[in-house]
Amino acid sequence: MSRSRKSIDDLILDLRSDNQIVSQEAEVALARRGRSALSKLIKAARHPDPQVRFRTAWALGAIRDPGAVDALLALTHDQDERVAYDAVTALGSLGDRRAVDRLIELLCVDADEGRSSAAASALMALGRHCVSQLRDVLREGNMPCRIRATLVLARVASHDPGVFADLIQLLSDLEPQVRVAAIEAIGTSGDTWCRN
């Protein structure tokens, strides 16, 4: 039976398949079903099999429905790195402000480079919705977090002269690594600001 004719329940069962082609095709088919698959995918986000949760996170992100935010936020705490990473990435796809606090929390996690990197990308995707919180991190965060926030800010707010002023101010920061991050951020985005 073709994936397009399978029921949503059957497609969710296929997410468990050891055959990666079958599980990936089921994931894509569920994403194509959109909102009609949303409630069952949200339930599948609590499945005991990490592969189901991993595939579910991707499908929820691809559907881009705000109703998936809570399920995806819960998956960012998953013990399976693939699940958590895909949930963080999916939150960036949704563009929902409710994810900003958790993404900034993950941005600041020192021990988990994968999740903090995914959080940085997701925050960049959220754009201007996270500028205020990132500015707070510049003032109050630990050094690694401040460095990451500096680089994210440069990407998300190139149209905001206030952010450019924040980055300029970091050039006199007490932490040399923060100053270097500010130089990189200004160098990366300075041309855009100068043209505006």
Foldseek 3Di string as FASTA:
>chain_A
DDLLPDDLVVLLVQLPDPPPVSNLSSLVNLLVVAPVNVVVLLVQCPPPDVSSVLSSLQSLLSSLDPVCLVSLLVQCPDPDLSNNLSSLLSLLSNLDLVCQVVLLVQLQDPPDPSSVVSSLVSLLSNAPSNLVVLLVCCVDNDDSSNLSSLQSLLRRPLVDVVNLVVLVVQCPPPDPSSNVSSVVSCVVRVVSNVVD
